[in-house]
PDB file of N, CA and C in Angstrom:
ATOM      1  N   UNK A   1       6.178 -40.166-340.227  1.00  0.00           N
ATOM      2  CA  UNK A   1       5.410 -41.305-341.986  1.00  0.00           C
ATOM      3  C   UNK A   1       4.437 -41.683-341.488  1.00  0.00           C
ATOM      4  N   UNK A   2       3.620 -41.434-342.144  1.00  0.00           N
ATOM      5  CA  UNK A   2       2.678 -43.227-341.685  1.00  0.00           C
ATOM      6  C   UNK A   2       2.807 -44.232-341.987  1.00  0.00           C
ATOM      7  N   UNK A   3       2.501 -45.126-341.489  1.00  0.00           N
ATOM      8  CA  UNK A   3       2.684 -46.797-342.128  1.00  0.00           C
ATOM      9  C   UNK A   3       2.309 -46.889-343.181  1.00  0.00           C
ATOM     10  N   UNK A   4       3.508 -47.243-344.254  1.00  0.00           N
ATOM     11  CA  UNK A   4       3.481 -47.309-345.517  1.00  0.00           C
ATOM     12  C   UNK A   4       1.601 -49.098-345.494  1.00  0.00           C
ATOM     13  N   UNK A   5       2.611 -49.595-345.547  1.00  0.00           N
ATOM     14  CA  UNK A   5       1.926 -51.394-345.343  1.00  0.00           C
ATOM     15  C   UNK A   5      -0.143 -50.446-344.889  1.00  0.00           C
ATOM     16  N   UNK A   6      -0.139 -49.556-343.787  1.00  0.00           N
ATOM     17  CA  UNK A   6      -2.058 -49.573-343.514  1.00  0.00           C
ATOM     18  C   UNK A   6      -2.333 -48.313-343.996  1.00  0.00           C
ATOM     19  N   UNK A   7      -1.359 -48.094-345.525  1.00  0.00           N
ATOM     20  CA  UNK A   7      -1.890 -46.986-345.682  1.00  0.00           C
ATOM     21  C   UNK A   7      -2.744 -47.700-347.436  1.00  0.00           C
ATOM     22  N   UNK A   8      -2.727 -48.877-347.703  1.00  0.00           N
ATOM     23  CA  UNK A   8      -3.473 -49.775-348.416  1.00  0.00           C
ATOM     24  C   UNK A   8      -4.671 -50.450-348.171  1.00  0.00           C
ATOM     25  N   UNK A   9      -4.613 -50.460-346.150  1.00  0.00           N
ATOM     26  CA  UNK A   9      -5.274 -52.042-345.469  1.00  0.00           C
ATOM     27  C   UNK A   9      -6.551 -50.837-345.127  1.00  0.00           C
ATOM     28  N   UNK A  10      -7.680 -52.249-345.621  1.00  0.00           N
ATOM     29  CA  UNK A  10      -8.799 -51.571-345.016  1.00  0.00           C
ATOM     30  C   UNK A  10      -9.727 -51.374-345.396  1.00  0.00           C
ATOM     31  N   UNK A  11      -9.448 -50.728-347.105  1.00  0.00           N
ATOM     32  CA  UNK A  11      -9.522 -49.889-347.892  1.00  0.00           C
ATOM     33  C   UNK A  11     -11.608 -49.917-348.003  1.00  0.00           C
ATOM     34  N   UNK A  12     -11.970 -51.790-347.958  1.00  0.00           N
ATOM     35  CA  UNK A  12     -13.220 -51.559-348.243  1.00  0.00           C
ATOM     36  C   UNK A  12     -14.068 -51.870-346.772  1.00  0.00           C
ATOM     37  N   UNK A  13     -13.487 -51.017-345.657  1.00  0.00           N
ATOM     38  CA  UNK A  13     -14.534 -50.993-344.387  1.00  0.00           C
ATOM     39  C   UNK A  13     -14.234 -49.440-343.923  1.00  0.00           C
ATOM     40  N   UNK A  14     -13.424 -48.695-344.877  1.00  0.00           N
ATOM     41  CA  UNK A  14     -13.492 -47.611-344.584  1.00  0.00           C
ATOM     42  C   UNK A  14     -14.590 -46.789-345.784  1.00  0.00           C
ATOM     43  N   UNK A  15     -13.346 -47.068-346.120  1.00  0.00           N
ATOM     44  CA  UNK A  15     -14.183 -46.003-347.635  1.00  0.00           C
ATOM     45  C   UNK A  15     -15.534 -46.447-349.111  1.00  0.00           C
ATOM     46  N   UNK A  16     -17.201 -46.629-348.412  1.00  0.00           N
ATOM     47  CA  UNK A  16     -17.732 -47.286-348.608  1.00  0.00           C
ATOM     48  C   UNK A  16     -18.214 -45.827-350.087  1.00  0.00           C
ATOM     49  N   UNK A  17     -18.816 -45.642-351.030  1.00  0.00           N
ATOM     50  CA  UNK A  17     -19.256 -45.608-352.425  1.00  0.00           C
ATOM     51  C   UNK A  17     -19.678 -44.167-351.705  1.00  0.00           C
ATOM     52  N   UNK A  18     -20.846 -44.848-350.845  1.00  0.00           N
ATOM     53  CA  UNK A  18     -21.960 -43.938-350.722  1.00  0.00           C
ATOM     54  C   UNK A  18     -22.888 -44.751-349.643  1.00  0.00           C
ATOM     55  N   UNK A  19     -23.774 -44.182-349.115  1.00  0.00           N
ATOM     56  CA  UNK A  19     -24.843 -45.137-348.826  1.00  0.00           C
ATOM     57  C   UNK A  19     -26.079 -45.566-349.003  1.00  0.00           C
ATOM     58  N   UNK A  20     -25.746 -45.175-350.613  1.00  0.00           N
ATOM     59  CA  UNK A  20     -26.942 -45.761-351.660  1.00  0.00           C
ATOM     60  C   UNK A  20     -26.621 -47.102-352.568  1.00  0.00           C
ATOM     61  N   UNK A  21     -24.463 -46.690-353.005  1.00  0.00           N
ATOM     62  CA  UNK A  21     -24.009 -46.924-353.431  1.00  0.00           C
ATOM     63  C   UNK A  21     -24.270 -48.951-353.467  1.00  0.00           C
ATOM     64  N   UNK A  22     -23.889 -48.934-355.040  1.00  0.00           N
ATOM     65  CA  UNK A  22     -24.323 -50.889-354.952  1.00  0.00           C
ATOM     66  C   UNK A  22     -22.557 -51.513-354.424  1.00  0.00           C
ATOM     67  N   UNK A  23     -23.041 -53.167-354.663  1.00  0.00           N
ATOM     68  CA  UNK A  23     -21.613 -53.381-354.460  1.00  0.00           C
ATOM     69  C   UNK A  23     -20.730 -53.056-355.364  1.00  0.00           C
ATOM     70  N   UNK A  24     -21.118 -53.067-356.512  1.00  0.00           N
ATOM     71  CA  UNK A  24     -20.368 -52.645-357.556  1.00  0.00           C
ATOM     72  C   UNK A  24     -19.419 -51.366-357.657  1.00  0.00           C
ATOM     73  N   UNK A  25     -20.410 -50.633-357.293  1.00  0.00           N
ATOM     74  CA  UNK A  25     -19.979 -49.050-357.271  1.00  0.00           C
ATOM     75  C   UNK A  25     -18.865 -49.109-356.265  1.00  0.00           C
ATOM     76  N   UNK A  26     -19.314 -49.377-355.406  1.00  0.00           N
ATOM     77  CA  UNK A  26     -18.080 -49.742-353.868  1.00  0.00           C
ATOM     78  C   UNK A  26     -17.445 -50.534-354.360  1.00  0.00           C
ATOM     79  N   UNK A  27     -16.936 -51.724-355.228  1.00  0.00           N
ATOM     80  CA  UNK A  27     -15.648 -52.276-355.532  1.00  0.00           C
ATOM     81  C   UNK A  27     -14.762 -51.681-356.609  1.00  0.00           C
ATOM     82  N   UNK A  28     -15.755 -50.730-357.358  1.00  0.00           N
ATOM     83  CA  UNK A  28     -15.208 -49.076-358.660  1.00  0.00           C
ATOM     84  C   UNK A  28     -14.542 -48.662-357.725  1.00  0.00           C
ATOM     85  N   UNK A  29     -15.142 -47.731-356.216  1.00  0.00           N
ATOM     86  CA  UNK A  29     -14.628 -46.908-354.905  1.00  0.00           C
ATOM     87  C   UNK A  29     -13.207 -47.559-354.849  1.00  0.00           C
ATOM     88  N   UNK A  30     -13.283 -48.777-354.167  1.00  0.00           N
ATOM     89  CA  UNK A  30     -11.698 -49.243-353.516  1.00  0.00           C
ATOM     90  C   UNK A  30     -11.193 -49.825-354.849  1.00  0.00           C
ATOM     91  N   UNK A  31     -11.006 -49.825-355.603  1.00  0.00           N
ATOM     92  CA  UNK A  31     -10.213 -50.197-356.859  1.00  0.00           C
ATOM     93  C   UNK A  31      -9.698 -48.924-356.683  1.00  0.00           C
ATOM     94  N   UNK A  32     -10.313 -48.323-356.912  1.00  0.00           N
ATOM     95  CA  UNK A  32      -9.625 -46.867-357.614  1.00  0.00           C
ATOM     96  C   UNK A  32      -8.809 -46.245-356.425  1.00  0.00           C
ATOM     97  N   UNK A  33      -9.518 -46.150-355.343  1.00  0.00           N
ATOM     98  CA  UNK A  33      -8.485 -46.157-353.499  1.00  0.00           C
ATOM     99  C   UNK A  33      -7.244 -46.879-354.162  1.00  0.00           C
ATOM    100  N   UNK A  34      -7.287 -48.565-353.562  1.00  0.00           N
ATOM    101  CA  UNK A  34      -5.810 -48.944-353.897  1.00  0.00           C
ATOM    102  C   UNK A  34      -4.920 -48.333-355.615  1.00  0.00           C
ATOM    103  N   UNK A  35      -5.920 -48.101-355.997  1.00  0.00           N
ATOM    104  CA  UNK A  35      -4.628 -47.830-357.092  1.00  0.00           C
ATOM    105  C   UNK A  35      -3.906 -46.972-356.894  1.00  0.00           C
ATOM    106  N   UNK A  36      -4.658 -45.761-356.142  1.00  0.00           N
ATOM    107  CA  UNK A  36      -3.762 -44.164-355.605  1.00  0.00           C
ATOM    108  C   UNK A  36      -2.554 -44.508-354.577  1.00  0.00           C
ATOM    109  N   UNK A  37      -3.600 -45.406-353.767  1.00  0.00           N
ATOM    110  CA  UNK A  37      -2.102 -45.687-352.841  1.00  0.00           C
ATOM    111  C   UNK A  37      -1.030 -46.396-352.738  1.00  0.00           C
ATOM    112  N   UNK A  38      -1.142 -47.666-354.345  1.00  0.00           N
ATOM    113  CA  UNK A  38      -0.649 -48.285-354.616  1.00  0.00           C
ATOM    114  C   UNK A  38       0.765 -47.151-355.163  1.00  0.00           C
ATOM    115  N   UNK A  39      -0.169 -46.416-355.941  1.00  0.00           N
ATOM    116  CA  UNK A  39       1.509 -45.231-356.710  1.00  0.00           C
ATOM    117  C   UNK A  39       2.265 -44.845-355.403  1.00  0.00           C
ATOM    118  N   UNK A  40       0.852 -44.031-354.566  1.00  0.00           N
ATOM    119  CA  UNK A  40       1.915 -43.504-353.662  1.00  0.00           C
ATOM    120  C   UNK A  40       3.150 -44.602-352.930  1.00  0.00           C
ATOM    121  N   UNK A  41       2.612 -45.134-352.649  1.00  0.00           N
ATOM    122  CA  UNK A  41       3.091 -47.081-351.783  1.00  0.00           C
ATOM    123  C   UNK A  41       4.736 -47.002-352.967  1.00  0.00           C
ATOM    124  N   UNK A  42       4.590 -46.561-354.307  1.00  0.00           N
ATOM    125  CA  UNK A  42       5.877 -47.287-355.183  1.00  0.00           C
ATOM    126  C   UNK A  42       6.496 -46.181-355.328  1.00  0.00           C
ATOM    127  N   UNK A  43       6.715 -45.170-354.916  1.00  0.00           N
ATOM    128  CA  UNK A  43       7.958 -44.075-354.936  1.00  0.00           C
ATOM    129  C   UNK A  43       9.042 -44.828-353.841  1.00  0.00           C
ATOM    130  N   UNK A  44       9.902 -44.211-355.061  1.00  0.00           N
ATOM    131  CA  UNK A  44      11.080 -44.617-354.096  1.00  0.00           C
ATOM    132  C   UNK A  44      11.297 -43.768-352.558  1.00  0.00           C
ATOM    133  N   UNK A  45      11.738 -44.169-351.543  1.00  0.00           N
ATOM    134  CA  UNK A  45      11.744 -44.039-350.275  1.00  0.00           C
ATOM    135  C   UNK A  45      13.469 -44.262-349.614  1.00  0.00           C
ATOM    136  N   UNK A  46      13.922 -43.212-349.189  1.00  0.00           N
ATOM    137  CA  UNK A  46      15.138 -43.454-348.842  1.00  0.00           C
ATOM    138  C   UNK A  46      15.565 -44.075-347.347  1.00  0.00           C
ATOM    139  N   UNK A  47      16.091 -44.875-346.562  1.00  0.00           N
ATOM    140  CA  UNK A  47      15.809 -44.672-345.134  1.00  0.00           C
ATOM    141  C   UNK A  47      17.345 -45.717-344.913  1.00  0.00           C
ATOM    142  N   UNK A  48      16.450 -46.129-343.244  1.00  0.00           N
ATOM    143  CA  UNK A  48      18.021 -46.875-343.556  1.00  0.00           C
ATOM    144  C   UNK A  48      17.019 -48.758-342.447  1.00  0.00           C
ATOM    145  N   UNK A  49      17.721 -49.619-342.557  1.00  0.00           N
ATOM    146  CA  UNK A  49      17.139 -50.328-341.706  1.00  0.00           C
ATOM    147  C   UNK A  49      17.379 -50.296-340.318  1.00  0.00           C
ATOM    148  N   UNK A  50      16.015 -50.074-339.552  1.00  0.00           N
ATOM    149  CA  UNK A  50      15.861 -49.841-338.298  1.00  0.00           C
ATOM    150  C   UNK A  50      16.822 -51.151-336.894  1.00  0.00           C
ATOM    151  N   UNK A  51      16.781 -52.474-338.067  1.00  0.00           N
ATOM    152  CA  UNK A  51      17.833 -53.232-336.967  1.00  0.00           C
ATOM    153  C   UNK A  51      18.896 -53.354-336.984  1.00  0.00           C
ATOM    154  N   UNK A  52      19.280 -52.782-338.530  1.00  0.00           N
ATOM    155  CA  UNK A  52      20.962 -52.664-338.474  1.00  0.00           C
ATOM    156  C   UNK A  52      21.116 -51.274-337.671  1.00  0.00           C
ATOM    157  N   UNK A  53      20.258 -50.039-337.635  1.00  0.00           N
ATOM    158  CA  UNK A  53      20.707 -48.930-337.060  1.00  0.00           C
ATOM    159  C   UNK A  53      20.621 -49.297-335.429  1.00  0.00           C
ATOM    160  N   UNK A  54      19.811 -50.725-335.133  1.00  0.00           N
ATOM    161  CA  UNK A  54      19.721 -50.843-333.721  1.00  0.00           C
ATOM    162  C   UNK A  54      20.989 -51.883-332.678  1.00  0.00           C
ATOM    163  N   UNK A  55      21.298 -52.575-333.615  1.00  0.00           N
ATOM    164  CA  UNK A  55      22.477 -53.262-333.391  1.00  0.00           C
ATOM    165  C   UNK A  55      24.286 -52.316-333.045  1.00  0.00           C
ATOM    166  N   UNK A  56      24.005 -51.170-333.341  1.00  0.00           N
ATOM    167  CA  UNK A  56      24.502 -50.206-333.197  1.00  0.00           C
ATOM    168  C   UNK A  56      24.084 -49.169-331.998  1.00  0.00           C
ATOM    169  N   UNK A  57      23.153 -48.809-332.474  1.00  0.00           N
ATOM    170  CA  UNK A  57      23.318 -47.126-331.596  1.00  0.00           C
ATOM    171  C   UNK A  57      21.303 -47.597-331.385  1.00  0.00           C
ATOM    172  N   UNK A  58      21.114 -49.168-330.788  1.00  0.00           N
ATOM    173  CA  UNK A  58      19.696 -48.412-329.774  1.00  0.00           C
ATOM    174  C   UNK A  58      19.115 -47.503-328.669  1.00  0.00           C
ATOM    175  N   UNK A  59      19.473 -46.609-328.991  1.00  0.00           N
ATOM    176  CA  UNK A  59      18.736 -45.558-328.370  1.00  0.00           C
ATOM    177  C   UNK A  59      18.053 -44.784-329.489  1.00  0.00           C
ATOM    178  N   UNK A  60      17.981 -45.145-330.712  1.00  0.00           N
ATOM    179  CA  UNK A  60      17.916 -44.085-332.087  1.00  0.00           C
ATOM    180  C   UNK A  60      16.609 -44.474-332.369  1.00  0.00           C
ATOM    181  N   UNK A  61      16.207 -46.197-332.048  1.00  0.00           N
ATOM    182  CA  UNK A  61      15.319 -47.134-332.423  1.00  0.00           C
ATOM    183  C   UNK A  61      14.323 -46.935-331.760  1.00  0.00           C
ATOM    184  N   UNK A  62      12.825 -47.338-332.055  1.00  0.00           N
ATOM    185  CA  UNK A  62      12.034 -47.826-331.378  1.00  0.00           C
ATOM    186  C   UNK A  62      11.459 -48.488-331.953  1.00  0.00           C
ATOM    187  N   UNK A  63      10.436 -48.999-330.618  1.00  0.00           N
ATOM    188  CA  UNK A  63       9.995 -50.396-331.236  1.00  0.00           C
ATOM    189  C   UNK A  63       7.911 -50.574-330.641  1.00  0.00           C
ATOM    190  N   UNK A  64       7.683 -50.208-331.484  1.00  0.00           N
ATOM    191  CA  UNK A  64       5.753 -50.063-330.988  1.00  0.00           C
ATOM    192  C   UNK A  64       5.363 -51.103-330.796  1.00  0.00           C
ATOM    193  N   UNK A  65       3.719 -51.111-330.327  1.00  0.00           N
ATOM    194  CA  UNK A  65       2.949 -52.165-329.732  1.00  0.00           C
ATOM    195  C   UNK A  65       2.957 -52.934-330.837  1.00  0.00           C
ATOM    196  N   UNK A  66       2.880 -53.060-332.134  1.00  0.00           N
ATOM    197  CA  UNK A  66       2.491 -54.016-332.988  1.00  0.00           C
ATOM    198  C   UNK A  66       4.067 -54.501-333.491  1.00  0.00           C
ATOM    199  N   UNK A  67       5.024 -53.475-332.697  1.00  0.00           N
ATOM    200  CA  UNK A  67       6.316 -54.816-333.063  1.00  0.00           C
ATOM    201  C   UNK A  67       7.042 -54.187-334.607  1.00  0.00           C
ATOM    202  N   UNK A  68       6.485 -52.816-334.469  1.00  0.00           N
ATOM    203  CA  UNK A  68       7.003 -52.361-335.838  1.00  0.00           C
ATOM    204  C   UNK A  68       8.370 -51.227-335.258  1.00  0.00           C
ATOM    205  N   UNK A  69       9.465 -50.981-335.886  1.00  0.00           N
ATOM    206  CA  UNK A  69      10.978 -50.417-335.114  1.00  0.00           C
ATOM    207  C   UNK A  69      10.746 -49.367-336.391  1.00  0.00           C
ATOM    208  N   UNK A  70      10.980 -48.314-335.863  1.00  0.00           N
ATOM    209  CA  UNK A  70      10.882 -46.409-336.563  1.00  0.00           C
ATOM    210  C   UNK A  70      12.636 -46.332-335.628  1.00  0.00           C
ATOM    211  N   UNK A  71      13.238 -45.198-336.753  1.00  0.00           N
ATOM    212  CA  UNK A  71      14.624 -44.963-336.485  1.00  0.00           C
ATOM    213  C   UNK A  71      14.450 -43.123-335.926  1.00  0.00           C
ATOM    214  N   UNK A  72      14.452 -42.865-335.679  1.00  0.00           N
ATOM    215  CA  UNK A  72      14.918 -41.366-335.227  1.00  0.00           C
ATOM    216  C   UNK A  72      16.187 -40.528-335.384  1.00  0.00           C
ATOM    217  N   UNK A  73      16.083 -40.617-336.615  1.00  0.00           N
ATOM    218  CA  UNK A  73      16.754 -39.532-337.862  1.00  0.00           C
ATOM    219  C   UNK A  73      18.055 -38.932-337.032  1.00  0.00           C
ATOM    220  N   UNK A  74      17.026 -38.276-336.339  1.00  0.00           N
ATOM    221  CA  UNK A  74      18.389 -36.907-335.500  1.00  0.00           C
ATOM    222  C   UNK A  74      19.263 -37.405-334.573  1.00  0.00           C
ATOM    223  N   UNK A  75      18.293 -38.347-334.511  1.00  0.00           N
ATOM    224  CA  UNK A  75      20.116 -39.146-332.773  1.00  0.00           C
ATOM    225  C   UNK A  75      21.177 -39.724-334.081  1.00  0.00           C
ATOM    226  N   UNK A  76      20.771 -39.984-335.121  1.00  0.00           N
ATOM    227  CA  UNK A  76      21.576 -40.578-336.307  1.00  0.00           C
ATOM    228  C   UNK A  76      22.793 -39.441-336.510  1.00  0.00           C
ATOM    229  N   UNK A  77      22.498 -37.394-336.895  1.00  0.00           N
ATOM    230  CA  UNK A  77      23.030 -36.743-337.780  1.00  0.00           C
ATOM    231  C   UNK A  77      24.630 -36.552-336.592  1.00  0.00           C
ATOM    232  N   UNK A  78      24.695 -36.525-335.635  1.00  0.00           N
ATOM    233  CA  UNK A  78      25.866 -35.532-335.030  1.00  0.00           C
ATOM    234  C   UNK A  78      26.692 -36.858-335.328  1.00  0.00           C
ATOM    235  N   UNK A  79      26.548 -38.590-335.145  1.00  0.00           N
ATOM    236  CA  UNK A  79      27.382 -39.521-335.444  1.00  0.00           C
ATOM    237  C   UNK A  79      27.834 -39.191-336.941  1.00  0.00           C
ATOM    238  N   UNK A  80      26.937 -38.934-338.116  1.00  0.00           N
ATOM    239  CA  UNK A  80      27.416 -38.989-339.028  1.00  0.00           C
ATOM    240  C   UNK A  80      28.577 -38.001-339.545  1.00  0.00           C
ATOM    241  N   UNK A  81      28.293 -36.823-338.683  1.00  0.00           N
ATOM    242  CA  UNK A  81      28.841 -35.546-338.948  1.00  0.00           C
ATOM    243  C   UNK A  81      30.567 -36.015-338.375  1.00  0.00           C
ATOM    244  N   UNK A  82      30.524 -36.489-337.413  1.00  0.00           N
ATOM    245  CA  UNK A  82      31.596 -37.439-336.431  1.00  0.00           C
ATOM    246  C   UNK A  82      32.334 -38.284-337.418  1.00  0.00           C
ATOM    247  N   UNK A  83      30.984 -39.154-337.867  1.00  0.00           N
ATOM    248  CA  UNK A  83      32.187 -40.577-338.736  1.00  0.00           C
ATOM    249  C   UNK A  83      32.989 -39.375-339.781  1.00  0.00           C
ATOM    250  N   UNK A  84      31.982 -38.356-340.481  1.00  0.00           N
ATOM    251  CA  UNK A  84      32.615 -37.838-341.636  1.00  0.00           C
ATOM    252  C   UNK A  84      33.439 -36.837-341.781  1.00  0.00           C
ATOM    253  N   UNK A  85      34.391 -36.489-340.347  1.00  0.00           N
ATOM    254  CA  UNK A  85      35.221 -36.034-339.617  1.00  0.00           C
ATOM    255  C   UNK A  85      36.658 -37.196-340.081  1.00  0.00           C
ATOM    256  N   UNK A  86      36.093 -38.380-339.189  1.00  0.00           N
ATOM    257  CA  UNK A  86      37.003 -39.117-338.814  1.00  0.00           C
ATOM    258  C   UNK A  86      37.397 -39.534-340.557  1.00  0.00           C
ATOM    259  N   UNK A  87      36.850 -39.682-341.128  1.00  0.00           N
ATOM    260  CA  UNK A  87      37.029 -40.394-342.537  1.00  0.00           C
ATOM    261  C   UNK A  87      37.762 -38.845-343.255  1.00  0.00           C
ATOM    262  N   UNK A  88      37.815 -37.168-343.373  1.00  0.00           N
ATOM    263  CA  UNK A  88      38.767 -37.147-343.808  1.00  0.00           C
ATOM    264  C   UNK A  88      39.964 -36.620-343.009  1.00  0.00           C
ATOM    265  N   UNK A  89      39.635 -36.873-342.385  1.00  0.00           N
ATOM    266  CA  UNK A  89      41.045 -36.874-341.754  1.00  0.00           C
ATOM    267  C   UNK A  89      41.996 -38.509-341.601  1.00  0.00           C
ATOM    268  N   UNK A  90      41.568 -39.244-341.925  1.00  0.00           N
ATOM    269  CA  UNK A  90      42.190 -40.217-342.326  1.00  0.00           C
ATOM    270  C   UNK A  90      42.614 -40.297-343.530  1.00  0.00           C
ATOM    271  N   UNK A  91      41.544 -39.685-344.218  1.00  0.00           N
ATOM    272  CA  UNK A  91      42.241 -39.952-345.702  1.00  0.00           C
ATOM    273  C   UNK A  91      43.157 -38.162-346.044  1.00  0.00           C
ATOM    274  N   UNK A  92      43.289 -37.325-345.371  1.00  0.00           N
ATOM    275  CA  UNK A  92      44.558 -36.456-345.099  1.00  0.00           C
ATOM    276  C   UNK A  92      45.829 -37.238-345.024  1.00  0.00           C
ATOM    277  N   UNK A  93      45.365 -37.892-343.714  1.00  0.00           N
ATOM    278  CA  UNK A  93      46.249 -38.174-343.518  1.00  0.00           C
ATOM    279  C   UNK A  93      47.105 -39.474-344.491  1.00  0.00           C
ATOM    280  N   UNK A  94      47.009 -40.252-344.933  1.00  0.00           N
ATOM    281  CA  UNK A  94      46.443 -41.114-346.084  1.00  0.00           C
ATOM    282  C   UNK A  94      47.607 -40.183-347.142  1.00  0.00           C
ATOM    283  N   UNK A  95      47.059 -39.126-347.805  1.00  0.00           N
ATOM    284  CA  UNK A  95      47.866 -38.423-348.661  1.00  0.00           C
ATOM    285  C   UNK A  95      48.946 -37.579-348.531  1.00  0.00           C
ATOM    286  N   UNK A  96      48.888 -37.311-347.004  1.00  0.00           N
ATOM    287  CA  UNK A  96      50.465 -36.751-346.509  1.00  0.00           C
ATOM    288  C   UNK A  96      51.348 -37.535-346.533  1.00  0.00           C
ATOM    289  N   UNK A  97      51.629 -39.130-345.711  1.00  0.00           N
ATOM    290  CA  UNK A  97      51.796 -40.412-346.164  1.00  0.00           C
ATOM    291  C   UNK A  97      52.168 -40.316-348.095  1.00  0.00           C
ATOM    292  N   UNK A  98      51.197 -40.422-348.755  1.00  0.00           N
ATOM    293  CA  UNK A  98      51.517 -40.696-350.605  1.00  0.00           C
ATOM    294  C   UNK A  98      52.850 -39.458-350.526  1.00  0.00           C
ATOM    295  N   UNK A  99      52.575 -38.465-350.211  1.00  0.00           N
ATOM    296  CA  UNK A  99      53.110 -36.879-350.809  1.00  0.00           C
ATOM    297  C   UNK A  99      54.316 -37.565-350.252  1.00  0.00           C
ATOM    298  N   UNK A 100      54.767 -38.049-349.016  1.00  0.00           N
ATOM    299  CA  UNK A 100      56.389 -37.862-349.001  1.00  0.00           C
ATOM    300  C   UNK A 100      56.976 -39.485-349.145  1.00  0.00           C
ATOM    301  N   UNK A 101      56.644 -40.298-349.263  1.00  0.00           N
ATOM    302  CA  UNK A 101      57.613 -41.309-350.484  1.00  0.00           C
ATOM    303  C   UNK A 101      57.866 -40.914-351.215  1.00  0.00           C
ATOM    304  N   UNK A 102      59.473 -41.081-351.611  1.00  0.00           N
ATOM    305  CA  UNK A 102      59.772 -40.724-352.954  1.00  0.00           C
ATOM    306  C   UNK A 102      59.395 -41.703-354.062  1.00  0.00           C
ATOM    307  N   UNK A 103      59.615 -41.251-354.393  1.00  0.00           N
ATOM    308  CA  UNK A 103      59.348 -41.808-356.442  1.00  0.00           C
ATOM    309  C   UNK A 103      61.055 -42.693-356.545  1.00  0.00           C
ATOM    310  N   UNK A 104      60.448 -43.365-357.553  1.00  0.00           N
ATOM    311  CA  UNK A 104      61.597 -44.478-358.460  1.00  0.00           C
ATOM    312  C   UNK A 104      61.671 -43.751-359.920  1.00  0.00           C
TER     313      UNK A 104
END
C-alpha cells in the first residue's frame, strides 16, 4: 500500500500544468490534484496499529528508514486462527458448565 501521506505531498513540484502554463493554470492543476488525492485519502481504511502489534509480535512489524512502521498481515493470520479456536473452546466449555448446573 502506498504511503497515504506521500500521495498528497510535493504536488507543486511534480505536476505542472505544462511547460507554457501560467502560475494560475498551475495552481488550478495542483488544486484539482489535491482534491482528487484527498478524496482518495478520505476513504475508510481498516487496519491495526503497528505499535500495538509490535508490542506482542515484533517480528510482524518492520520499520523503514524514515521511521514508518508497517505490519506484515500474513504473520497475523495464523495467530488469529489459533485465537479463534481458543475462544471457541472456552465458549463451549462455558456452555457445558452452565448446562450441568441444576436449575432451582
